[in-house]
Each structure stands twice: as C-alpha cells, then as structure tokens.
Amino acid sequence: MIRVFERILNKMREKIRTRQYIVTLHADEEMEDEGISIYDVEKYILTGSIVERQKDVITSEWKLVIITVYSE
C-alpha cells in the first residue's frame, strides 16, 4: 500500500507544481471551516506523507490522511 500512496502523492505534487488542479466549492468550504488556505493545503501535500486512507462515516467518501512536519 505504501507504493500506491507514494504514486498518488507524487501525482498530487506534480499537479500542484504545474497548477493543474481545481478547488471545488466543497473543498473551499471545508478549508474555511478548518481555518486553512489553499496555500496551507499545498504545503501539506508538498512536504507531507500519506499515512492512511479513511472512509467518511457520513458521506462514505474515501479520504487520504496526510501528516507533515512544517514550521514557518
């Protein structure tokens, strides 16, 4: 599973670096609720690691959990 996570994360990083992604209204609302910006999300993806995949109990959507050690 680790290799799958690495491939996914590398694809996400490439999309960030080339600005080839779209932030949905839902994602924008979630970021606002959490008090983070798209720049925070980009930093987390560029510097973090995927540690697990979780299924949301309410929506049944799959989500990736990324952890990072980031300081300004």
Foldseek 3Di string as FASTA:
>chain_A
DQVVQVVVLVVVLVCVVVVPDDQDPVNVVVCVVVVHDVVVVNVQSVAWGFDDWDQDPPPRDIDTDIDGDDDD
